[in-house]
N, C-alpha and C. Protein backbone atom coordinates (compact mmCIF):
# COMPACT_ATOMS: atom_id res chain seq x y z
N MET A 1 -10.29 -17.20 -8.09
CA MET A 1 -9.26 -16.65 -7.22
C MET A 1 -8.15 -16.00 -8.07
N LEU A 2 -7.71 -16.70 -9.11
CA LEU A 2 -6.62 -16.19 -9.94
C LEU A 2 -7.02 -14.85 -10.57
N GLU A 3 -8.25 -14.77 -11.05
CA GLU A 3 -8.72 -13.54 -11.69
C GLU A 3 -8.73 -12.36 -10.70
N GLU A 4 -9.20 -12.60 -9.49
CA GLU A 4 -9.21 -11.54 -8.48
C GLU A 4 -7.80 -11.08 -8.14
N VAL A 5 -6.90 -12.04 -7.96
CA VAL A 5 -5.51 -11.69 -7.63
C VAL A 5 -4.88 -10.93 -8.80
N ARG A 6 -5.18 -11.34 -10.04
CA ARG A 6 -4.68 -10.64 -11.22
C ARG A 6 -5.16 -9.18 -11.20
N GLU A 7 -6.44 -8.98 -10.92
CA GLU A 7 -6.98 -7.62 -10.89
C GLU A 7 -6.33 -6.77 -9.80
N ILE A 8 -6.11 -7.36 -8.63
CA ILE A 8 -5.49 -6.62 -7.53
C ILE A 8 -4.05 -6.26 -7.87
N VAL A 9 -3.30 -7.22 -8.40
CA VAL A 9 -1.91 -6.97 -8.79
C VAL A 9 -1.87 -5.90 -9.88
N GLY A 10 -2.72 -6.04 -10.88
CA GLY A 10 -2.75 -5.07 -11.97
C GLY A 10 -3.08 -3.67 -11.51
N ALA A 11 -4.06 -3.56 -10.63
CA ALA A 11 -4.46 -2.24 -10.13
C ALA A 11 -3.38 -1.64 -9.23
N THR A 12 -2.81 -2.47 -8.35
CA THR A 12 -1.80 -1.98 -7.41
C THR A 12 -0.54 -1.51 -8.14
N LEU A 13 -0.15 -2.27 -9.16
CA LEU A 13 1.07 -1.92 -9.91
C LEU A 13 0.80 -0.98 -11.07
N LYS A 14 -0.48 -0.63 -11.26
CA LYS A 14 -0.89 0.26 -12.36
C LYS A 14 -0.42 -0.27 -13.71
N LEU A 15 -0.71 -1.56 -13.96
CA LEU A 15 -0.28 -2.21 -15.19
C LEU A 15 -1.18 -1.88 -16.38
N GLY A 16 -2.37 -1.35 -16.12
CA GLY A 16 -3.29 -1.04 -17.21
C GLY A 16 -3.66 -2.28 -17.99
N PRO A 17 -3.71 -2.16 -19.32
CA PRO A 17 -4.12 -3.31 -20.14
C PRO A 17 -3.16 -4.50 -20.08
N ARG A 18 -1.92 -4.26 -19.65
CA ARG A 18 -0.96 -5.38 -19.54
C ARG A 18 -1.41 -6.41 -18.51
N ALA A 19 -2.21 -6.00 -17.54
CA ALA A 19 -2.67 -6.93 -16.49
C ALA A 19 -3.44 -8.10 -17.10
N ALA A 20 -4.16 -7.86 -18.18
CA ALA A 20 -4.96 -8.91 -18.81
C ALA A 20 -4.09 -10.05 -19.36
N SER A 21 -2.82 -9.77 -19.62
CA SER A 21 -1.94 -10.80 -20.17
C SER A 21 -1.30 -11.68 -19.09
N LEU A 22 -1.51 -11.34 -17.81
CA LEU A 22 -0.93 -12.14 -16.73
C LEU A 22 -1.68 -13.46 -16.61
N ARG A 23 -0.93 -14.56 -16.65
CA ARG A 23 -1.50 -15.90 -16.49
C ARG A 23 -0.91 -16.53 -15.23
N ALA A 24 -1.41 -17.69 -14.88
CA ALA A 24 -0.94 -18.37 -13.67
C ALA A 24 0.57 -18.60 -13.69
N ASP A 25 1.12 -18.88 -14.87
CA ASP A 25 2.55 -19.17 -14.96
C ASP A 25 3.41 -17.94 -15.28
N THR A 26 2.80 -16.76 -15.27
CA THR A 26 3.56 -15.53 -15.53
C THR A 26 4.47 -15.23 -14.34
N ALA A 27 5.75 -15.10 -14.63
CA ALA A 27 6.72 -14.74 -13.58
C ALA A 27 6.44 -13.31 -13.12
N LEU A 28 6.53 -13.10 -11.82
CA LEU A 28 6.32 -11.76 -11.26
C LEU A 28 7.65 -11.12 -10.88
N LEU A 29 8.30 -11.65 -9.85
CA LEU A 29 9.59 -11.09 -9.43
C LEU A 29 10.62 -11.26 -10.53
N GLY A 30 11.28 -10.18 -10.87
CA GLY A 30 12.29 -10.22 -11.91
C GLY A 30 11.73 -10.07 -13.31
N ASN A 31 10.41 -10.15 -13.45
CA ASN A 31 9.78 -10.05 -14.76
C ASN A 31 9.01 -8.74 -14.91
N LEU A 32 8.38 -8.30 -13.84
CA LEU A 32 7.64 -7.04 -13.86
C LEU A 32 8.49 -5.95 -13.24
N PRO A 33 8.95 -4.99 -14.02
CA PRO A 33 9.79 -3.93 -13.46
C PRO A 33 9.09 -3.14 -12.35
N GLU A 34 7.76 -3.09 -12.41
CA GLU A 34 7.00 -2.37 -11.40
C GLU A 34 7.04 -3.05 -10.04
N LEU A 35 7.36 -4.34 -10.00
CA LEU A 35 7.31 -5.11 -8.75
C LEU A 35 8.65 -5.05 -8.03
N ASP A 36 8.89 -3.93 -7.36
CA ASP A 36 10.08 -3.80 -6.52
C ASP A 36 9.67 -4.09 -5.07
N SER A 37 10.58 -3.89 -4.14
CA SER A 37 10.30 -4.24 -2.74
C SER A 37 9.14 -3.43 -2.17
N MET A 38 9.04 -2.17 -2.54
CA MET A 38 7.93 -1.35 -2.06
C MET A 38 6.61 -1.81 -2.67
N ALA A 39 6.65 -2.22 -3.91
CA ALA A 39 5.44 -2.70 -4.58
C ALA A 39 4.97 -4.02 -3.99
N VAL A 40 5.90 -4.87 -3.56
CA VAL A 40 5.52 -6.12 -2.89
C VAL A 40 4.70 -5.80 -1.64
N VAL A 41 5.15 -4.83 -0.87
CA VAL A 41 4.42 -4.42 0.33
C VAL A 41 3.04 -3.88 -0.05
N ALA A 42 2.97 -3.11 -1.12
CA ALA A 42 1.69 -2.54 -1.56
C ALA A 42 0.73 -3.65 -2.00
N VAL A 43 1.23 -4.65 -2.71
CA VAL A 43 0.39 -5.76 -3.16
C VAL A 43 -0.11 -6.55 -1.95
N ILE A 44 0.76 -6.83 -1.00
CA ILE A 44 0.35 -7.56 0.21
C ILE A 44 -0.72 -6.77 0.95
N THR A 45 -0.52 -5.48 1.11
CA THR A 45 -1.51 -4.64 1.79
C THR A 45 -2.84 -4.67 1.05
N ALA A 46 -2.81 -4.58 -0.27
CA ALA A 46 -4.04 -4.62 -1.06
C ALA A 46 -4.76 -5.96 -0.89
N LEU A 47 -4.01 -7.05 -0.86
CA LEU A 47 -4.60 -8.38 -0.66
C LEU A 47 -5.20 -8.49 0.74
N GLU A 48 -4.48 -7.99 1.73
CA GLU A 48 -4.99 -8.02 3.11
C GLU A 48 -6.31 -7.25 3.21
N GLU A 49 -6.36 -6.08 2.60
CA GLU A 49 -7.57 -5.26 2.66
C GLU A 49 -8.72 -5.91 1.90
N HIS A 50 -8.43 -6.48 0.74
CA HIS A 50 -9.47 -7.08 -0.09
C HIS A 50 -10.06 -8.33 0.56
N TYR A 51 -9.18 -9.18 1.08
CA TYR A 51 -9.63 -10.48 1.60
C TYR A 51 -9.84 -10.50 3.11
N GLY A 52 -9.36 -9.49 3.81
CA GLY A 52 -9.58 -9.43 5.25
C GLY A 52 -8.71 -10.36 6.08
N PHE A 53 -7.53 -10.68 5.59
CA PHE A 53 -6.59 -11.47 6.38
C PHE A 53 -5.36 -10.64 6.68
N SER A 54 -4.49 -11.19 7.52
CA SER A 54 -3.26 -10.52 7.89
C SER A 54 -2.08 -11.39 7.50
N VAL A 55 -1.03 -10.77 6.99
CA VAL A 55 0.16 -11.49 6.57
C VAL A 55 1.33 -11.02 7.42
N SER A 56 2.01 -11.96 8.06
CA SER A 56 3.20 -11.59 8.83
C SER A 56 4.44 -11.65 7.94
N ASP A 57 5.47 -10.94 8.35
CA ASP A 57 6.69 -10.84 7.54
C ASP A 57 7.29 -12.20 7.22
N ASP A 58 7.23 -13.13 8.17
CA ASP A 58 7.87 -14.43 7.95
C ASP A 58 7.08 -15.32 6.99
N GLU A 59 5.89 -14.91 6.58
CA GLU A 59 5.11 -15.68 5.62
C GLU A 59 5.46 -15.33 4.17
N ILE A 60 6.18 -14.26 3.99
CA ILE A 60 6.49 -13.77 2.65
C ILE A 60 7.87 -14.26 2.22
N SER A 61 7.92 -14.81 1.01
CA SER A 61 9.19 -15.24 0.44
C SER A 61 9.18 -14.96 -1.05
N ALA A 62 10.32 -15.11 -1.65
CA ALA A 62 10.40 -14.94 -3.11
C ALA A 62 9.51 -15.96 -3.80
N ASP A 63 9.37 -17.15 -3.22
CA ASP A 63 8.52 -18.18 -3.82
C ASP A 63 7.06 -17.73 -3.90
N THR A 64 6.62 -16.95 -2.91
CA THR A 64 5.24 -16.46 -2.90
C THR A 64 4.98 -15.60 -4.13
N PHE A 65 5.96 -14.80 -4.51
CA PHE A 65 5.82 -13.89 -5.64
C PHE A 65 6.52 -14.40 -6.90
N ALA A 66 6.78 -15.69 -6.98
CA ALA A 66 7.45 -16.24 -8.16
C ALA A 66 6.58 -16.10 -9.40
N THR A 67 5.31 -16.49 -9.29
CA THR A 67 4.37 -16.39 -10.41
C THR A 67 3.04 -15.87 -9.89
N LEU A 68 2.18 -15.49 -10.81
CA LEU A 68 0.84 -15.09 -10.41
C LEU A 68 0.12 -16.25 -9.75
N GLY A 69 0.35 -17.45 -10.27
CA GLY A 69 -0.27 -18.65 -9.70
C GLY A 69 0.19 -18.92 -8.27
N SER A 70 1.48 -18.74 -8.00
CA SER A 70 1.97 -18.98 -6.64
C SER A 70 1.40 -17.94 -5.67
N LEU A 71 1.20 -16.73 -6.16
CA LEU A 71 0.61 -15.70 -5.31
C LEU A 71 -0.86 -16.03 -5.03
N ALA A 72 -1.59 -16.50 -6.05
CA ALA A 72 -2.98 -16.90 -5.87
C ALA A 72 -3.09 -18.09 -4.91
N GLU A 73 -2.15 -19.03 -5.00
CA GLU A 73 -2.14 -20.18 -4.09
C GLU A 73 -1.91 -19.72 -2.65
N PHE A 74 -1.03 -18.74 -2.48
CA PHE A 74 -0.76 -18.19 -1.15
C PHE A 74 -2.05 -17.59 -0.57
N VAL A 75 -2.76 -16.81 -1.40
CA VAL A 75 -4.01 -16.18 -0.95
C VAL A 75 -5.02 -17.28 -0.59
N GLN A 76 -5.13 -18.30 -1.43
CA GLN A 76 -6.08 -19.39 -1.17
C GLN A 76 -5.75 -20.08 0.16
N ALA A 77 -4.48 -20.30 0.42
CA ALA A 77 -4.05 -20.93 1.67
C ALA A 77 -4.40 -20.04 2.87
N LYS A 78 -4.25 -18.73 2.71
CA LYS A 78 -4.58 -17.81 3.80
C LYS A 78 -6.08 -17.83 4.10
N LEU A 79 -6.88 -18.08 3.09
CA LEU A 79 -8.33 -18.08 3.27
C LEU A 79 -8.86 -19.41 3.78
N SER A 80 -8.04 -20.44 3.70
CA SER A 80 -8.50 -21.79 4.12
C SER A 80 -8.39 -21.98 5.62
């Protein structure tokens, strides 16, 4: 799950080879300059399309995008 989320985040934010360095404990918000409010929406949309689930606005928080691991946990919870 973490690897798939890493690939989606990397592709959506166009991180190129930097995406390979993202680990579960890598901070996202405030750490990746590419991850602004519009990019958050783009990442959520990419996750929705890839996994086939829907995310409502009230499900998204800064905690969801705190780290790559927290984002992967969110995706796992949506799939459960």
